[in-house]
Amino acid sequence: SVGKKQQIKNGIKSSTLHVIFNGVNTSDDSGIESSIRQELAIPPEDFVFTTLTRFSNEKGLFFLVDAVDELRKKTHGFKVLIVGEGSTFENLNKYISKKGLKDFFILPGFRKDTKNILYGSNVYINSSWSEALSFAILEGMACGLPLLLTAAGGNVDIVNDETKCGLTANYGDKKAYSDAMFLLMTDKEKYKFFKENAKIAVETKFNQKTTEDETFHLYESALK
């Protein structure tokens, strides 16, 4: 993992480190019928990119706006749903307006109906320049959403050659990020492949039961 590599660079012996990934509840609730599109007046045919985030600088939301500015040159028929609150909320709204992108973004503020939102979405996105291993991303995977993440921090522990559950792009590379958005919108086979692997990855690697069991066994072995 990225965290383990950093600790080794800091002089910690590899043999003393044990990585336990965050995990989420993976109970099957795919029968949930989302009402979010109707509530937010999102056309049923629109492709929805969603992120559950904090409006702060490290989340890279201004970069996301720049990437969407690139994407709208290639296609329309999509929405970007940014759910949350924080210090940059007003400035981001102004930036979206300045770019002439109000038709592509929905910023509903803080909400508690996470699964309702996710089951009404097509892709979970993350645009951070600094990120740990995000529970929100894992929740998106648990709802069967393919991922588009920046190659930052714990994001590369989630999307990689092992999990094959989405795409990554370097933070700041708005062309690469918008190209990845476009691919997910247009390549149905690849979308289906990532979607299936997202569910597999969260059930086998990032589930709550595995996290609890590994934590228990680690403490148990330390007490022997």
Protein backbone atom coordinates (compact mmCIF):
# COMPACT_ATOMS: atom_id res chain seq x y z
CA SER A 1 0.00 0.00 0.00
CA VAL A 2 0.98 3.64 -0.39
CA GLY A 3 0.99 4.15 3.38
CA LYS A 4 3.31 1.19 3.96
CA LYS A 5 5.76 2.40 1.32
CA GLN A 6 5.86 5.82 2.96
CA GLN A 7 6.55 4.30 6.39
CA ILE A 8 9.40 2.24 4.92
CA LYS A 9 10.83 5.42 3.39
CA ASN A 10 10.64 6.93 6.89
CA GLY A 11 12.87 4.15 8.20
CA ILE A 12 10.31 1.71 9.60
CA LYS A 13 11.17 -1.95 8.98
CA SER A 14 8.84 -3.65 6.53
CA SER A 15 8.54 -6.72 8.76
CA THR A 16 6.97 -4.62 11.54
CA LEU A 17 4.23 -3.20 9.33
CA HIS A 18 0.85 -4.79 8.69
CA VAL A 19 -1.62 -3.11 6.35
CA ILE A 20 -5.34 -3.36 7.11
CA PHE A 21 -7.54 -1.63 4.57
CA ASN A 22 -10.71 0.24 5.45
CA GLY A 23 -13.89 -1.72 4.83
CA VAL A 24 -17.59 -1.05 4.39
CA ASN A 25 -20.78 -3.01 4.81
CA THR A 26 -21.38 -5.04 1.65
CA SER A 27 -24.89 -6.31 2.36
CA ASP A 28 -26.94 -6.60 -0.82
CA ASP A 29 -29.36 -3.69 -1.01
CA SER A 30 -29.40 -3.40 -4.81
CA GLY A 31 -33.20 -3.39 -4.65
CA ILE A 32 -33.13 0.23 -3.49
CA GLU A 33 -35.05 2.41 -5.92
CA SER A 34 -33.33 5.77 -6.06
CA SER A 35 -35.41 8.94 -6.15
CA ILE A 36 -32.48 11.34 -6.54
CA ARG A 37 -32.85 11.93 -10.29
CA GLN A 38 -36.50 12.82 -9.95
CA GLU A 39 -35.82 15.06 -6.96
CA LEU A 40 -32.98 16.94 -8.66
CA ALA A 41 -34.65 16.98 -12.09
CA ILE A 42 -31.92 14.90 -13.73
CA PRO A 43 -33.14 13.39 -17.02
CA PRO A 44 -33.19 9.57 -16.88
CA GLU A 45 -30.91 9.36 -19.93
CA ASP A 46 -28.23 11.64 -18.46
CA PHE A 47 -24.96 10.06 -17.30
CA VAL A 48 -24.27 11.01 -13.67
CA PHE A 49 -20.78 11.36 -12.16
CA THR A 50 -21.01 11.62 -8.37
CA THR A 51 -18.68 12.48 -5.53
CA LEU A 52 -19.45 12.67 -1.81
CA THR A 53 -16.87 15.07 -0.49
CA ARG A 54 -15.81 18.00 1.63
CA PHE A 55 -15.53 21.36 -0.10
CA SER A 56 -11.88 22.05 0.72
CA ASN A 57 -8.77 22.70 -1.33
CA GLU A 58 -7.23 19.23 -1.12
CA LYS A 59 -10.33 17.71 -2.74
CA GLY A 60 -9.37 19.22 -6.10
CA LEU A 61 -12.86 20.38 -7.03
CA PHE A 62 -11.63 23.33 -9.10
CA PHE A 63 -9.54 20.86 -11.11
CA LEU A 64 -12.71 18.78 -11.58
CA VAL A 65 -14.49 21.83 -13.00
CA ASP A 66 -11.61 22.33 -15.46
CA ALA A 67 -11.87 18.68 -16.54
CA VAL A 68 -15.62 19.03 -17.09
CA ASP A 69 -14.93 22.13 -19.17
CA GLU A 70 -12.85 19.83 -21.41
CA LEU A 71 -15.50 17.10 -21.42
CA ARG A 72 -18.31 19.38 -22.59
CA LYS A 73 -16.29 20.05 -25.76
CA LYS A 74 -16.74 16.35 -26.62
CA THR A 75 -20.23 15.56 -25.38
CA HIS A 76 -23.28 16.66 -23.42
CA GLY A 77 -25.96 14.58 -21.69
CA PHE A 78 -24.17 14.30 -18.37
CA LYS A 79 -24.32 15.77 -14.88
CA VAL A 80 -21.71 16.05 -12.14
CA LEU A 81 -23.21 15.73 -8.68
CA ILE A 82 -21.00 17.09 -5.87
CA VAL A 83 -22.58 16.30 -2.50
CA GLY A 84 -21.26 17.92 0.66
CA GLU A 85 -20.37 21.20 2.29
CA GLY A 86 -17.28 23.13 3.30
CA SER A 87 -15.25 26.30 3.06
CA THR A 88 -14.88 26.43 -0.74
CA PHE A 89 -18.55 25.85 -1.55
CA GLU A 90 -19.38 29.44 -2.55
CA ASN A 91 -16.15 30.00 -4.47
CA LEU A 92 -16.63 26.78 -6.40
CA ASN A 93 -20.17 27.80 -7.32
CA LYS A 94 -18.82 31.10 -8.64
CA TYR A 95 -16.09 29.30 -10.60
CA ILE A 96 -18.66 26.99 -12.21
CA SER A 97 -20.73 30.02 -13.24
CA LYS A 98 -17.65 31.83 -14.56
CA LYS A 99 -16.86 28.81 -16.75
CA GLY A 100 -20.44 28.67 -18.04
CA LEU A 101 -20.95 25.17 -16.64
CA LYS A 102 -24.06 25.60 -14.47
CA ASP A 103 -26.00 23.18 -16.69
CA PHE A 104 -23.54 20.38 -15.94
CA PHE A 105 -23.15 20.65 -12.15
CA ILE A 106 -25.52 20.00 -9.25
CA LEU A 107 -24.40 21.00 -5.74
CA PRO A 108 -27.20 19.99 -3.36
CA GLY A 109 -25.20 20.56 -0.16
CA PHE A 110 -24.94 18.11 2.72
CA ARG A 111 -27.21 15.06 2.55
CA LYS A 112 -27.61 11.89 4.58
CA ASP A 113 -29.25 9.67 1.94
CA THR A 114 -25.95 8.29 0.64
CA LYS A 115 -27.27 5.11 -0.93
CA ASN A 116 -30.18 6.90 -2.56
CA ILE A 117 -27.65 9.19 -4.23
CA LEU A 118 -25.24 6.42 -5.24
CA TYR A 119 -27.88 4.13 -6.70
CA GLY A 120 -29.03 7.02 -8.88
CA SER A 121 -25.49 7.55 -10.22
CA ASN A 122 -23.36 5.94 -12.95
CA VAL A 123 -19.77 6.54 -11.80
CA TYR A 124 -18.11 7.53 -8.53
CA ILE A 125 -15.39 10.15 -9.01
CA ASN A 126 -12.64 11.62 -6.86
CA SER A 127 -10.49 14.60 -7.90
CA SER A 128 -8.27 15.05 -4.81
CA TRP A 129 -4.61 15.95 -4.84
CA SER A 130 -4.32 14.45 -1.34
CA GLU A 131 -6.41 11.48 -0.21
CA ALA A 132 -6.34 8.66 2.33
CA LEU A 133 -8.34 5.50 1.66
CA SER A 134 -11.80 7.02 1.36
CA PHE A 135 -14.85 5.35 2.85
CA ALA A 136 -17.01 7.31 0.38
CA ILE A 137 -15.21 5.70 -2.55
CA LEU A 138 -15.71 2.26 -1.01
CA GLU A 139 -19.41 3.00 -0.51
CA GLY A 140 -19.64 3.86 -4.21
CA MET A 141 -18.04 0.52 -5.07
CA ALA A 142 -20.44 -1.31 -2.74
CA CYS A 143 -23.28 0.20 -4.78
CA GLY A 144 -21.71 -1.17 -7.96
CA LEU A 145 -20.25 2.06 -9.31
CA PRO A 146 -17.11 2.06 -11.48
CA LEU A 147 -14.50 4.54 -10.30
CA LEU A 148 -12.59 7.47 -11.75
CA LEU A 149 -9.96 8.65 -9.28
CA THR A 150 -6.87 10.81 -9.25
CA ALA A 151 -3.69 8.81 -8.79
CA ALA A 152 -3.19 10.28 -5.31
CA GLY A 153 -2.56 8.64 -1.95
CA GLY A 154 -4.83 5.75 -1.09
CA ASN A 155 -6.69 6.02 -4.41
CA VAL A 156 -4.07 3.84 -6.08
CA ASP A 157 -4.65 1.15 -3.45
CA ILE A 158 -8.24 1.01 -4.69
CA VAL A 159 -7.93 1.27 -8.49
CA ASN A 160 -5.00 -0.72 -9.85
CA ASP A 161 -4.07 -3.74 -11.97
CA GLU A 162 -5.34 -6.09 -9.27
CA THR A 163 -8.83 -4.65 -8.76
CA LYS A 164 -9.51 -3.41 -12.32
CA CYS A 165 -12.52 -1.46 -11.06
CA GLY A 166 -12.03 1.87 -12.79
CA LEU A 167 -9.61 4.44 -14.13
CA THR A 168 -7.09 6.89 -12.67
CA ALA A 169 -5.62 10.12 -13.98
CA ASN A 170 -2.95 12.35 -12.53
CA TYR A 171 -4.18 15.35 -10.57
CA GLY A 172 -3.90 18.47 -12.74
CA ASP A 173 -4.11 16.60 -16.06
CA LYS A 174 -7.54 17.86 -17.08
CA LYS A 175 -7.31 16.26 -20.54
CA ALA A 176 -6.56 12.79 -19.17
CA TYR A 177 -9.31 13.11 -16.58
CA SER A 178 -11.89 14.29 -19.12
CA ASP A 179 -10.82 11.54 -21.55
CA ALA A 180 -11.45 9.00 -18.79
CA MET A 181 -14.88 10.51 -18.12
CA PHE A 182 -15.71 10.28 -21.82
CA LEU A 183 -14.55 6.66 -22.03
CA LEU A 184 -16.76 5.66 -19.11
CA MET A 185 -19.70 7.36 -20.79
CA THR A 186 -19.21 5.76 -24.18
CA ASP A 187 -17.50 2.36 -23.82
CA LYS A 188 -20.30 0.11 -22.54
CA GLU A 189 -18.18 -3.03 -22.38
CA LYS A 190 -15.44 -1.39 -20.34
CA TYR A 191 -18.05 0.24 -18.10
CA LYS A 192 -19.67 -3.13 -17.40
CA PHE A 193 -16.24 -4.69 -16.72
CA PHE A 194 -15.33 -2.00 -14.17
CA LYS A 195 -18.78 -2.15 -12.58
CA GLU A 196 -18.56 -5.92 -11.99
CA ASN A 197 -15.03 -5.64 -10.62
CA ALA A 198 -15.98 -2.81 -8.25
CA LYS A 199 -18.43 -5.14 -6.50
CA ILE A 200 -15.90 -7.97 -6.42
CA ALA A 201 -13.13 -5.76 -5.02
CA VAL A 202 -15.22 -4.33 -2.20
CA GLU A 203 -16.59 -7.76 -1.27
CA THR A 204 -13.18 -9.46 -1.22
CA LYS A 205 -10.74 -6.73 -0.18
CA PHE A 206 -12.51 -3.70 1.29
CA ASN A 207 -15.37 -5.19 3.28
CA GLN A 208 -16.08 -4.48 6.93
CA LYS A 209 -15.90 -8.13 8.02
CA THR A 210 -12.37 -8.53 6.62
CA THR A 211 -11.24 -5.31 8.32
CA GLU A 212 -12.67 -6.43 11.67
CA ASP A 213 -11.19 -9.95 11.40
CA GLU A 214 -7.73 -8.74 10.42
CA THR A 215 -7.72 -6.15 13.22
CA PHE A 216 -8.75 -8.78 15.77
CA HIS A 217 -6.10 -11.26 14.63
CA LEU A 218 -3.40 -8.57 14.67
CA TYR A 219 -4.16 -7.67 18.31
CA GLU A 220 -4.47 -11.37 19.17
CA SER A 221 -1.03 -12.16 17.74
CA ALA A 222 0.49 -9.16 19.53
CA LEU A 223 -0.73 -10.47 22.90
CA LYS A 224 0.77 -13.93 22.46
